Amino acid sequence: MVDIVLLTFLVILGITIIRLGSLFASVMLTGIFSLVAAGLYVSMDAVDVAFTEAAVGGGIATLLFLSTIALTTSQEKSKEKVSMPALIVVLLTGTFLMFGISDIPKFGDSSAPAHQYLSDRYVYKSPNEIGVPNMVTSVLASYRGYDTMGEVTVIFTAGIAVLMLLGRGRRGRAGRNGSIANSDQSSSVSQREKGTV
């Protein structure tokens, strides 16, 4: 019951975020969305994923969005017409994803392949195979080591890209302010020269 309530709230939040014109309000609601999603993950007993969602989605991403708004504008530009090719691509992708999801076992299904073959090995054999007593650490650092390394690489690359974009915006603003100041100085000098002539 809690899962259904949280999912409904997430859908309402998502639709609201899309429809808002204020970027600041959208960022705040996106942070709330991440925190509610973290609560949903906790209710599904995925505490490690909930912690990551709360830290990255509710904390770091919100901070980066607010920093970007501080360097740009807080209002969305006037809405343009819907791009039909983009809409078709999104609808096709959504259809394929729904088709793929239909084959996934139900949540908590004891006959799912992961519960038949992998869970016993993780629970009983990982301390001997890996030498780490914590099962979650052994799964993330060894069995899924390449996946974890890929996730860390993606997050690191995204962070560097955001910092580069924020730095470019700061330099661009400083350049614009400098050029405005230079043009004001040159116009005042030219007016003084006209007065003396």
N, C-alpha and C. Protein backbone atom coordinates (compact mmCIF):
# COMPACT_ATOMS: atom_id res chain seq x y z
N MET A 1 0.82 -1.20 0.00
CA MET A 1 0.00 0.00 0.00
C MET A 1 0.87 1.27 0.00
N VAL A 2 1.94 1.26 0.82
CA VAL A 2 2.84 2.42 0.86
C VAL A 2 3.49 2.62 -0.49
N ASP A 3 3.89 1.52 -1.16
CA ASP A 3 4.52 1.62 -2.47
C ASP A 3 3.60 2.30 -3.48
N ILE A 4 2.33 1.94 -3.47
CA ILE A 4 1.39 2.52 -4.44
C ILE A 4 1.21 4.02 -4.18
N VAL A 5 1.12 4.39 -2.89
CA VAL A 5 0.97 5.81 -2.55
C VAL A 5 2.20 6.60 -3.01
N LEU A 6 3.40 6.05 -2.74
CA LEU A 6 4.63 6.74 -3.14
C LEU A 6 4.74 6.84 -4.66
N LEU A 7 4.39 5.76 -5.36
CA LEU A 7 4.44 5.79 -6.83
C LEU A 7 3.47 6.83 -7.39
N THR A 8 2.26 6.90 -6.82
CA THR A 8 1.29 7.89 -7.28
C THR A 8 1.83 9.31 -7.05
N PHE A 9 2.42 9.52 -5.87
CA PHE A 9 2.98 10.84 -5.57
C PHE A 9 4.12 11.18 -6.53
N LEU A 10 4.95 10.18 -6.88
CA LEU A 10 6.04 10.41 -7.83
C LEU A 10 5.52 10.79 -9.20
N VAL A 11 4.45 10.13 -9.64
CA VAL A 11 3.87 10.46 -10.95
C VAL A 11 3.33 11.89 -10.94
N ILE A 12 2.63 12.29 -9.86
CA ILE A 12 2.11 13.65 -9.76
C ILE A 12 3.25 14.66 -9.76
N LEU A 13 4.31 14.36 -8.99
CA LEU A 13 5.46 15.26 -8.96
C LEU A 13 6.10 15.38 -10.34
N GLY A 14 6.25 14.26 -11.05
CA GLY A 14 6.87 14.29 -12.37
C GLY A 14 6.08 15.14 -13.35
N ILE A 15 4.76 14.99 -13.36
CA ILE A 15 3.93 15.79 -14.26
C ILE A 15 4.02 17.27 -13.89
N THR A 16 4.03 17.57 -12.58
CA THR A 16 4.13 18.96 -12.14
C THR A 16 5.46 19.58 -12.56
N ILE A 17 6.55 18.81 -12.43
CA ILE A 17 7.88 19.32 -12.82
C ILE A 17 7.92 19.67 -14.31
N ILE A 18 7.30 18.81 -15.12
CA ILE A 18 7.30 19.05 -16.57
C ILE A 18 6.50 20.31 -16.91
N ARG A 19 5.39 20.55 -16.21
CA ARG A 19 4.50 21.65 -16.57
C ARG A 19 4.93 23.01 -16.02
N LEU A 20 5.83 23.04 -15.03
CA LEU A 20 6.22 24.31 -14.42
C LEU A 20 7.08 25.15 -15.36
N GLY A 21 6.92 26.47 -15.30
CA GLY A 21 7.77 27.36 -16.07
C GLY A 21 8.93 27.92 -15.26
N SER A 22 8.79 27.88 -13.94
CA SER A 22 9.85 28.39 -13.06
C SER A 22 10.90 27.31 -12.86
N LEU A 23 12.13 27.59 -13.27
CA LEU A 23 13.19 26.61 -13.15
C LEU A 23 13.55 26.35 -11.69
N PHE A 24 13.49 27.39 -10.85
CA PHE A 24 13.80 27.22 -9.43
C PHE A 24 12.81 26.25 -8.78
N ALA A 25 11.52 26.45 -9.04
CA ALA A 25 10.51 25.54 -8.48
C ALA A 25 10.69 24.13 -9.02
N SER A 26 11.06 24.00 -10.29
CA SER A 26 11.29 22.67 -10.86
C SER A 26 12.46 21.97 -10.17
N VAL A 27 13.52 22.71 -9.88
CA VAL A 27 14.68 22.12 -9.21
C VAL A 27 14.30 21.67 -7.80
N MET A 28 13.53 22.49 -7.09
CA MET A 28 13.12 22.12 -5.73
C MET A 28 12.25 20.87 -5.76
N LEU A 29 11.31 20.80 -6.71
CA LEU A 29 10.46 19.62 -6.81
C LEU A 29 11.25 18.39 -7.26
N THR A 30 12.30 18.60 -8.06
CA THR A 30 13.15 17.48 -8.45
C THR A 30 13.87 16.90 -7.24
N GLY A 31 14.35 17.77 -6.33
CA GLY A 31 14.96 17.28 -5.10
C GLY A 31 13.97 16.51 -4.25
N ILE A 32 12.72 17.02 -4.15
CA ILE A 32 11.69 16.30 -3.40
C ILE A 32 11.39 14.96 -4.06
N PHE A 33 11.36 14.95 -5.40
CA PHE A 33 11.14 13.71 -6.14
C PHE A 33 12.19 12.67 -5.77
N SER A 34 13.46 13.09 -5.69
CA SER A 34 14.54 12.15 -5.35
C SER A 34 14.38 11.63 -3.93
N LEU A 35 13.99 12.48 -3.01
CA LEU A 35 13.81 12.03 -1.63
C LEU A 35 12.63 11.07 -1.49
N VAL A 36 11.54 11.32 -2.22
CA VAL A 36 10.40 10.40 -2.19
C VAL A 36 10.79 9.07 -2.84
N ALA A 37 11.58 9.14 -3.93
CA ALA A 37 12.06 7.90 -4.56
C ALA A 37 12.95 7.12 -3.60
N ALA A 38 13.77 7.83 -2.82
CA ALA A 38 14.59 7.16 -1.81
C ALA A 38 13.72 6.46 -0.78
N GLY A 39 12.62 7.11 -0.37
CA GLY A 39 11.68 6.45 0.55
C GLY A 39 11.06 5.22 -0.06
N LEU A 40 10.75 5.28 -1.37
CA LEU A 40 10.22 4.10 -2.05
C LEU A 40 11.23 2.96 -2.06
N TYR A 41 12.51 3.28 -2.30
CA TYR A 41 13.55 2.25 -2.29
C TYR A 41 13.70 1.63 -0.91
N VAL A 42 13.56 2.44 0.15
CA VAL A 42 13.65 1.90 1.51
C VAL A 42 12.49 0.94 1.76
N SER A 43 11.29 1.30 1.29
CA SER A 43 10.15 0.41 1.49
C SER A 43 10.29 -0.89 0.71
N MET A 44 11.15 -0.89 -0.32
CA MET A 44 11.40 -2.11 -1.10
C MET A 44 12.66 -2.83 -0.61
N ASP A 45 13.19 -2.42 0.57
CA ASP A 45 14.38 -3.03 1.19
C ASP A 45 15.64 -2.86 0.36
N ALA A 46 15.74 -1.76 -0.38
CA ALA A 46 16.96 -1.46 -1.14
C ALA A 46 17.60 -0.22 -0.52
N VAL A 47 18.13 -0.40 0.70
CA VAL A 47 18.62 0.73 1.47
C VAL A 47 19.85 1.36 0.80
N ASP A 48 20.72 0.55 0.19
CA ASP A 48 21.91 1.10 -0.44
C ASP A 48 21.54 1.99 -1.64
N VAL A 49 20.55 1.57 -2.41
CA VAL A 49 20.10 2.38 -3.55
C VAL A 49 19.42 3.65 -3.03
N ALA A 50 18.66 3.54 -1.94
CA ALA A 50 17.99 4.71 -1.35
C ALA A 50 19.01 5.73 -0.87
N PHE A 51 20.09 5.25 -0.26
CA PHE A 51 21.13 6.16 0.22
C PHE A 51 21.78 6.89 -0.95
N THR A 52 22.07 6.17 -2.03
CA THR A 52 22.66 6.80 -3.22
C THR A 52 21.71 7.81 -3.84
N GLU A 53 20.44 7.46 -3.93
CA GLU A 53 19.45 8.38 -4.51
C GLU A 53 19.32 9.65 -3.68
N ALA A 54 19.30 9.50 -2.36
CA ALA A 54 19.17 10.67 -1.49
C ALA A 54 20.41 11.56 -1.60
N ALA A 55 21.60 10.94 -1.65
CA ALA A 55 22.83 11.73 -1.69
C ALA A 55 23.04 12.39 -3.04
N VAL A 56 22.89 11.61 -4.12
CA VAL A 56 23.15 12.14 -5.46
C VAL A 56 21.95 12.94 -5.99
N GLY A 57 20.77 12.32 -5.98
CA GLY A 57 19.60 12.98 -6.54
C GLY A 57 19.09 14.13 -5.71
N GLY A 58 18.98 13.91 -4.38
CA GLY A 58 18.46 14.96 -3.52
C GLY A 58 19.48 15.99 -3.11
N GLY A 59 20.76 15.63 -3.12
CA GLY A 59 21.79 16.55 -2.65
C GLY A 59 22.62 17.16 -3.75
N ILE A 60 23.50 16.35 -4.36
CA ILE A 60 24.47 16.87 -5.33
C ILE A 60 23.78 17.42 -6.58
N ALA A 61 22.83 16.68 -7.13
CA ALA A 61 22.17 17.14 -8.36
C ALA A 61 21.41 18.45 -8.12
N THR A 62 20.73 18.54 -6.98
CA THR A 62 20.00 19.78 -6.67
C THR A 62 20.96 20.95 -6.53
N LEU A 63 22.09 20.72 -5.89
CA LEU A 63 23.09 21.78 -5.75
C LEU A 63 23.63 22.23 -7.11
N LEU A 64 23.91 21.28 -8.00
CA LEU A 64 24.41 21.63 -9.33
C LEU A 64 23.34 22.39 -10.14
N PHE A 65 22.09 21.96 -10.03
CA PHE A 65 21.01 22.68 -10.73
C PHE A 65 20.88 24.11 -10.23
N LEU A 66 20.94 24.28 -8.90
CA LEU A 66 20.82 25.63 -8.35
C LEU A 66 22.00 26.50 -8.76
N SER A 67 23.20 25.90 -8.81
CA SER A 67 24.37 26.66 -9.27
C SER A 67 24.21 27.09 -10.73
N THR A 68 23.66 26.22 -11.54
CA THR A 68 23.43 26.56 -12.95
C THR A 68 22.41 27.68 -13.08
N ILE A 69 21.34 27.61 -12.29
CA ILE A 69 20.32 28.67 -12.34
C ILE A 69 20.92 30.01 -11.91
N ALA A 70 21.82 29.97 -10.92
CA ALA A 70 22.45 31.21 -10.46
C ALA A 70 23.28 31.86 -11.56
N LEU A 71 23.82 31.06 -12.48
CA LEU A 71 24.63 31.60 -13.56
C LEU A 71 23.84 31.90 -14.83
N THR A 72 22.59 31.44 -14.88
CA THR A 72 21.80 31.67 -16.09
C THR A 72 20.55 32.47 -15.74
N THR A 73 19.40 31.85 -15.85
CA THR A 73 18.14 32.53 -15.55
C THR A 73 17.23 31.58 -14.80
N SER A 74 16.27 32.14 -14.08
CA SER A 74 15.39 31.29 -13.27
C SER A 74 14.06 31.02 -13.95
N GLN A 75 13.85 31.56 -15.16
CA GLN A 75 12.61 31.32 -15.87
C GLN A 75 12.88 30.60 -17.18
N GLU A 76 11.99 29.70 -17.52
CA GLU A 76 12.10 28.97 -18.78
C GLU A 76 11.73 29.89 -19.94
N LYS A 77 12.41 29.71 -21.08
CA LYS A 77 12.08 30.51 -22.25
C LYS A 77 10.70 30.09 -22.77
N SER A 78 10.14 30.93 -23.63
CA SER A 78 8.81 30.62 -24.16
C SER A 78 8.82 29.28 -24.85
N LYS A 79 7.75 28.54 -24.64
CA LYS A 79 7.69 27.18 -25.15
C LYS A 79 7.56 27.18 -26.67
N GLU A 80 8.29 26.25 -27.28
CA GLU A 80 8.23 26.12 -28.73
C GLU A 80 7.28 24.99 -29.09
N LYS A 81 7.02 24.84 -30.38
CA LYS A 81 6.14 23.78 -30.84
C LYS A 81 6.77 22.42 -30.57
N VAL A 82 5.92 21.41 -30.44
CA VAL A 82 6.40 20.05 -30.18
C VAL A 82 7.04 19.51 -31.45
N SER A 83 8.23 18.93 -31.30
CA SER A 83 8.93 18.33 -32.43
C SER A 83 8.37 16.93 -32.67
N MET A 84 7.76 16.73 -33.82
CA MET A 84 7.14 15.44 -34.12
C MET A 84 8.15 14.29 -34.20
N PRO A 85 9.33 14.48 -34.84
CA PRO A 85 10.30 13.37 -34.85
C PRO A 85 10.74 12.98 -33.44
N ALA A 86 10.95 13.97 -32.57
CA ALA A 86 11.35 13.67 -31.20
C ALA A 86 10.23 12.94 -30.46
N LEU A 87 8.99 13.36 -30.67
CA LEU A 87 7.86 12.70 -30.03
C LEU A 87 7.73 11.25 -30.49
N ILE A 88 7.94 11.00 -31.77
CA ILE A 88 7.86 9.63 -32.30
C ILE A 88 8.96 8.76 -31.70
N VAL A 89 10.18 9.30 -31.59
CA VAL A 89 11.29 8.54 -31.00
C VAL A 89 11.00 8.20 -29.55
N VAL A 90 10.46 9.17 -28.80
CA VAL A 90 10.14 8.93 -27.39
C VAL A 90 9.05 7.87 -27.25
N LEU A 91 8.02 7.95 -28.07
CA LEU A 91 6.94 6.97 -27.99
C LEU A 91 7.42 5.57 -28.37
N LEU A 92 8.25 5.47 -29.40
CA LEU A 92 8.79 4.15 -29.78
C LEU A 92 9.68 3.58 -28.68
N THR A 93 10.54 4.43 -28.12
CA THR A 93 11.41 3.97 -27.03
C THR A 93 10.58 3.51 -25.84
N GLY A 94 9.56 4.28 -25.48
CA GLY A 94 8.69 3.89 -24.37
C GLY A 94 7.98 2.58 -24.63
N THR A 95 7.54 2.36 -25.88
CA THR A 95 6.87 1.10 -26.23
C THR A 95 7.82 -0.08 -26.09
N PHE A 96 9.06 0.06 -26.59
CA PHE A 96 10.04 -1.02 -26.45
C PHE A 96 10.38 -1.29 -24.99
N LEU A 97 10.49 -0.23 -24.18
CA LEU A 97 10.78 -0.43 -22.77
C LEU A 97 9.63 -1.16 -22.07
N MET A 98 8.39 -0.79 -22.36
CA MET A 98 7.24 -1.49 -21.76
C MET A 98 7.20 -2.95 -22.18
N PHE A 99 7.53 -3.21 -23.44
CA PHE A 99 7.57 -4.58 -23.92
C PHE A 99 8.65 -5.38 -23.18
N GLY A 100 9.82 -4.74 -22.95
CA GLY A 100 10.89 -5.43 -22.22
C GLY A 100 10.56 -5.66 -20.76
N ILE A 101 9.87 -4.70 -20.14
CA ILE A 101 9.51 -4.83 -18.72
C ILE A 101 8.52 -5.96 -18.51
N SER A 102 7.70 -6.25 -19.50
CA SER A 102 6.67 -7.29 -19.33
C SER A 102 7.28 -8.67 -19.07
N ASP A 103 8.56 -8.85 -19.40
CA ASP A 103 9.19 -10.16 -19.22
C ASP A 103 9.94 -10.27 -17.89
N ILE A 104 10.02 -9.17 -17.13
CA ILE A 104 10.74 -9.20 -15.85
C ILE A 104 9.89 -9.90 -14.80
N PRO A 105 10.48 -10.75 -13.96
CA PRO A 105 9.69 -11.40 -12.90
C PRO A 105 9.12 -10.38 -11.93
N LYS A 106 8.02 -10.73 -11.26
CA LYS A 106 7.41 -9.83 -10.30
C LYS A 106 8.33 -9.62 -9.11
N PHE A 107 8.17 -8.46 -8.45
CA PHE A 107 9.00 -8.11 -7.31
C PHE A 107 8.78 -9.12 -6.18
N GLY A 108 9.88 -9.67 -5.67
CA GLY A 108 9.80 -10.64 -4.57
C GLY A 108 9.43 -12.05 -4.98
N ASP A 109 9.37 -12.31 -6.28
CA ASP A 109 9.01 -13.65 -6.76
C ASP A 109 10.12 -14.64 -6.39
N SER A 110 9.76 -15.65 -5.59
CA SER A 110 10.78 -16.61 -5.12
C SER A 110 11.27 -17.53 -6.23
N SER A 111 10.52 -17.61 -7.33
CA SER A 111 10.95 -18.48 -8.43
C SER A 111 11.76 -17.72 -9.48
N ALA A 112 12.07 -16.45 -9.23
CA ALA A 112 12.89 -15.66 -10.16
C ALA A 112 14.30 -16.25 -10.23
N PRO A 113 14.96 -16.17 -11.39
CA PRO A 113 16.31 -16.76 -11.52
C PRO A 113 17.31 -16.21 -10.51
N ALA A 114 17.20 -14.93 -10.17
CA ALA A 114 18.14 -14.36 -9.21
C ALA A 114 18.02 -15.03 -7.85
N HIS A 115 16.78 -15.43 -7.47
CA HIS A 115 16.59 -16.07 -6.17
C HIS A 115 16.89 -17.57 -6.23
N GLN A 116 16.89 -18.14 -7.39
CA GLN A 116 17.15 -19.57 -7.51
C GLN A 116 18.63 -19.89 -7.51
N TYR A 117 19.43 -19.07 -8.18
CA TYR A 117 20.84 -19.43 -8.38
C TYR A 117 21.81 -18.50 -7.67
N LEU A 118 21.53 -17.20 -7.68
CA LEU A 118 22.52 -16.24 -7.20
C LEU A 118 22.47 -15.97 -5.71
N SER A 119 21.27 -15.89 -5.14
CA SER A 119 21.18 -15.44 -3.75
C SER A 119 21.90 -16.39 -2.79
N ASP A 120 21.77 -17.69 -2.98
CA ASP A 120 22.47 -18.64 -2.10
C ASP A 120 23.98 -18.48 -2.21
N ARG A 121 24.44 -18.28 -3.42
CA ARG A 121 25.89 -18.11 -3.59
C ARG A 121 26.37 -16.84 -2.90
N TYR A 122 25.62 -15.73 -3.08
CA TYR A 122 26.01 -14.48 -2.43
C TYR A 122 25.99 -14.60 -0.91
N VAL A 123 24.96 -15.23 -0.38
CA VAL A 123 24.80 -15.29 1.07
C VAL A 123 25.82 -16.24 1.71
N TYR A 124 26.00 -17.42 1.12
CA TYR A 124 26.79 -18.45 1.80
C TYR A 124 28.24 -18.54 1.32
N LYS A 125 28.50 -18.19 0.06
CA LYS A 125 29.85 -18.41 -0.47
C LYS A 125 30.69 -17.15 -0.60
N SER A 126 30.05 -15.96 -0.58
CA SER A 126 30.84 -14.74 -0.79
C SER A 126 31.90 -14.50 0.28
N PRO A 127 31.67 -14.81 1.58
CA PRO A 127 32.77 -14.60 2.54
C PRO A 127 34.01 -15.44 2.22
N ASN A 128 33.80 -16.66 1.73
CA ASN A 128 34.95 -17.52 1.39
C ASN A 128 35.57 -17.14 0.05
N GLU A 129 34.73 -16.80 -0.95
CA GLU A 129 35.25 -16.48 -2.28
C GLU A 129 35.95 -15.12 -2.32
N ILE A 130 35.37 -14.14 -1.65
CA ILE A 130 35.87 -12.77 -1.73
C ILE A 130 36.74 -12.42 -0.53
N GLY A 131 36.40 -12.96 0.62
CA GLY A 131 37.14 -12.64 1.83
C GLY A 131 36.64 -11.39 2.54
N VAL A 132 35.43 -10.94 2.17
CA VAL A 132 34.83 -9.76 2.80
C VAL A 132 33.57 -10.23 3.53
N PRO A 133 33.45 -9.93 4.84
CA PRO A 133 32.28 -10.42 5.58
C PRO A 133 30.97 -9.74 5.20
N ASN A 134 31.02 -8.49 4.70
CA ASN A 134 29.81 -7.76 4.32
C ASN A 134 29.38 -8.19 2.93
N MET A 135 28.17 -8.74 2.82
CA MET A 135 27.70 -9.29 1.55
C MET A 135 27.50 -8.19 0.50
N VAL A 136 26.95 -7.03 0.91
CA VAL A 136 26.71 -5.95 -0.05
C VAL A 136 28.03 -5.45 -0.63
N THR A 137 29.05 -5.31 0.24
CA THR A 137 30.36 -4.87 -0.23
C THR A 137 30.97 -5.87 -1.19
N SER A 138 30.82 -7.15 -0.90
CA SER A 138 31.40 -8.16 -1.79
C SER A 138 30.71 -8.16 -3.14
N VAL A 139 29.38 -7.92 -3.16
CA VAL A 139 28.66 -7.89 -4.43
C VAL A 139 29.08 -6.66 -5.25
N LEU A 140 29.10 -5.48 -4.60
CA LEU A 140 29.40 -4.25 -5.32
C LEU A 140 30.87 -4.16 -5.74
N ALA A 141 31.77 -4.65 -4.90
CA ALA A 141 33.20 -4.47 -5.18
C ALA A 141 33.80 -5.61 -5.99
N SER A 142 33.16 -6.77 -5.98
CA SER A 142 33.77 -7.90 -6.70
C SER A 142 32.85 -8.46 -7.78
N TYR A 143 31.71 -9.01 -7.39
CA TYR A 143 30.83 -9.63 -8.39
C TYR A 143 30.35 -8.62 -9.43
N ARG A 144 30.04 -7.40 -8.97
CA ARG A 144 29.61 -6.35 -9.89
C ARG A 144 30.66 -5.26 -9.98
N GLY A 145 31.92 -5.62 -9.90
CA GLY A 145 33.01 -4.64 -9.87
C GLY A 145 33.07 -3.78 -11.12
N TYR A 146 32.93 -4.40 -12.29
CA TYR A 146 32.97 -3.63 -13.54
C TYR A 146 31.78 -2.67 -13.63
N ASP A 147 30.62 -3.13 -13.18
CA ASP A 147 29.44 -2.28 -13.21
C ASP A 147 29.61 -1.08 -12.28
N THR A 148 30.14 -1.34 -11.08
CA THR A 148 30.38 -0.24 -10.13
C THR A 148 31.41 0.74 -10.68
N MET A 149 32.46 0.22 -11.29
CA MET A 149 33.48 1.10 -11.88
C MET A 149 32.87 1.95 -13.00
N GLY A 150 31.99 1.35 -13.80
CA GLY A 150 31.32 2.11 -14.85
C GLY A 150 30.43 3.21 -14.29
N GLU A 151 29.69 2.91 -13.20
CA GLU A 151 28.84 3.91 -12.58
C GLU A 151 29.66 5.07 -12.04
N VAL A 152 30.76 4.74 -11.37
CA VAL A 152 31.62 5.80 -10.82
C VAL A 152 32.21 6.65 -11.95
N THR A 153 32.59 6.01 -13.06
CA THR A 153 33.14 6.75 -14.20
C THR A 153 32.11 7.70 -14.79
N VAL A 154 30.86 7.23 -14.92
CA VAL A 154 29.79 8.08 -15.47
C VAL A 154 29.54 9.27 -14.56
N ILE A 155 29.47 9.03 -13.24
CA ILE A 155 29.23 10.13 -12.30
C ILE A 155 30.38 11.12 -12.33
N PHE A 156 31.61 10.61 -12.38
CA PHE A 156 32.78 11.50 -12.41
C PHE A 156 32.77 12.34 -13.69
N THR A 157 32.51 11.70 -14.83
CA THR A 157 32.48 12.42 -16.10
C THR A 157 31.38 13.48 -16.11
N ALA A 158 30.20 13.13 -15.58
CA ALA A 158 29.10 14.10 -15.53
C ALA A 158 29.47 15.28 -14.63
N GLY A 159 30.11 15.00 -13.50
CA GLY A 159 30.53 16.08 -12.60
C GLY A 159 31.53 17.01 -13.25
N ILE A 160 32.52 16.45 -13.96
CA ILE A 160 33.51 17.28 -14.66
C ILE A 160 32.84 18.12 -15.75
N ALA A 161 31.91 17.51 -16.48
CA ALA A 161 31.22 18.24 -17.55
C ALA A 161 30.42 19.40 -16.98
N VAL A 162 29.71 19.16 -15.86
CA VAL A 162 28.93 20.25 -15.25
C VAL A 162 29.84 21.36 -14.77
N LEU A 163 30.97 21.01 -14.14
CA LEU A 163 31.91 22.03 -13.68
C LEU A 163 32.47 22.83 -14.85
N MET A 164 32.76 22.16 -15.97
CA MET A 164 33.25 22.88 -17.15
C MET A 164 32.19 23.85 -17.68
N LEU A 165 30.93 23.39 -17.72
CA LEU A 165 29.86 24.26 -18.20
C LEU A 165 29.66 25.45 -17.27
N LEU A 166 29.71 25.20 -15.96
CA LEU A 166 29.54 26.30 -15.01
C LEU A 166 30.70 27.29 -15.13
N GLY A 167 31.92 26.79 -15.31
CA GLY A 167 33.07 27.68 -15.49
C GLY A 167 32.97 28.49 -16.76
N ARG A 168 32.47 27.87 -17.83
CA ARG A 168 32.30 28.60 -19.09
C ARG A 168 31.27 29.71 -18.94
N GLY A 169 30.19 29.44 -18.21
CA GLY A 169 29.17 30.47 -17.98
C GLY A 169 29.73 31.62 -17.17
N ARG A 170 30.57 31.34 -16.17
CA ARG A 170 31.16 32.40 -15.36
C ARG A 170 32.10 33.25 -16.19
N ARG A 171 32.93 32.58 -17.04
CA ARG A 171 33.85 33.35 -17.89
C ARG A 171 33.09 34.16 -18.92
N GLY A 172 32.02 33.58 -19.48
CA GLY A 172 31.23 34.31 -20.47
C GLY A 172 30.58 35.53 -19.87
N ARG A 173 30.06 35.39 -18.63
CA ARG A 173 29.44 36.54 -17.98
C ARG A 173 30.48 37.62 -17.68
N ALA A 174 31.67 37.20 -17.22
CA ALA A 174 32.73 38.17 -16.94
C ALA A 174 33.16 38.87 -18.23
N GLY A 175 33.24 38.13 -19.34
CA GLY A 175 33.60 38.72 -20.62
C GLY A 175 32.57 39.73 -21.09
N ARG A 176 31.29 39.37 -20.90
CA ARG A 176 30.24 40.31 -21.30
C ARG A 176 30.29 41.56 -20.46
N ASN A 177 30.47 41.40 -19.14
CA ASN A 177 30.55 42.58 -18.27
C ASN A 177 31.75 43.44 -18.62
N GLY A 178 32.89 42.80 -18.93
CA GLY A 178 34.08 43.55 -19.31
C GLY A 178 33.89 44.29 -20.61
N SER A 179 33.24 43.66 -21.59
CA SER A 179 33.04 44.33 -22.87
C SER A 179 32.06 45.48 -22.73
N ILE A 180 31.06 45.32 -21.85
CA ILE A 180 30.12 46.42 -21.62
C ILE A 180 30.84 47.59 -20.97
N ALA A 181 31.68 47.28 -19.97
CA ALA A 181 32.43 48.35 -19.30
C ALA A 181 33.37 49.05 -20.29
N ASN A 182 34.04 48.26 -21.16
CA ASN A 182 34.94 48.86 -22.15
C ASN A 182 34.19 49.74 -23.13
N SER A 183 33.00 49.31 -23.57
CA SER A 183 32.23 50.11 -24.52
C SER A 183 31.75 51.39 -23.85
N ASP A 184 31.39 51.32 -22.53
CA ASP A 184 30.98 52.53 -21.82
C ASP A 184 32.15 53.51 -21.72
N GLN A 185 33.34 52.99 -21.43
CA GLN A 185 34.51 53.86 -21.32
C GLN A 185 34.84 54.50 -22.66
N SER A 186 34.79 53.72 -23.73
CA SER A 186 35.13 54.27 -25.04
C SER A 186 34.11 55.31 -25.48
N SER A 187 32.81 55.08 -25.15
CA SER A 187 31.81 56.08 -25.53
C SER A 187 31.99 57.37 -24.75
N SER A 188 32.35 57.27 -23.45
CA SER A 188 32.58 58.49 -22.67
C SER A 188 33.81 59.24 -23.17
N VAL A 189 34.86 58.50 -23.59
CA VAL A 189 36.07 59.15 -24.14
C VAL A 189 35.73 59.85 -25.44
N SER A 190 34.93 59.22 -26.31
CA SER A 190 34.59 59.84 -27.58
C SER A 190 33.73 61.08 -27.35
N GLN A 191 32.84 61.06 -26.34
CA GLN A 191 32.04 62.25 -26.06
C GLN A 191 32.91 63.39 -25.57
N ARG A 192 33.94 63.09 -24.75
CA ARG A 192 34.83 64.13 -24.27
C ARG A 192 35.62 64.73 -25.44
N GLU A 193 36.04 63.88 -26.36
CA GLU A 193 36.81 64.37 -27.52
C GLU A 193 35.93 65.29 -28.38
N LYS A 194 34.65 64.92 -28.53
CA LYS A 194 33.75 65.79 -29.31
C LYS A 194 33.56 67.13 -28.64
N GLY A 195 33.51 67.12 -27.31
CA GLY A 195 33.32 68.38 -26.58
C GLY A 195 34.51 69.29 -26.70
N THR A 196 35.69 68.73 -26.80
CA THR A 196 36.91 69.56 -26.90
C THR A 196 37.12 70.08 -28.31
N VAL A 197 36.58 69.39 -29.31
CA VAL A 197 36.79 69.79 -30.69
C VAL A 197 35.90 70.89 -31.06
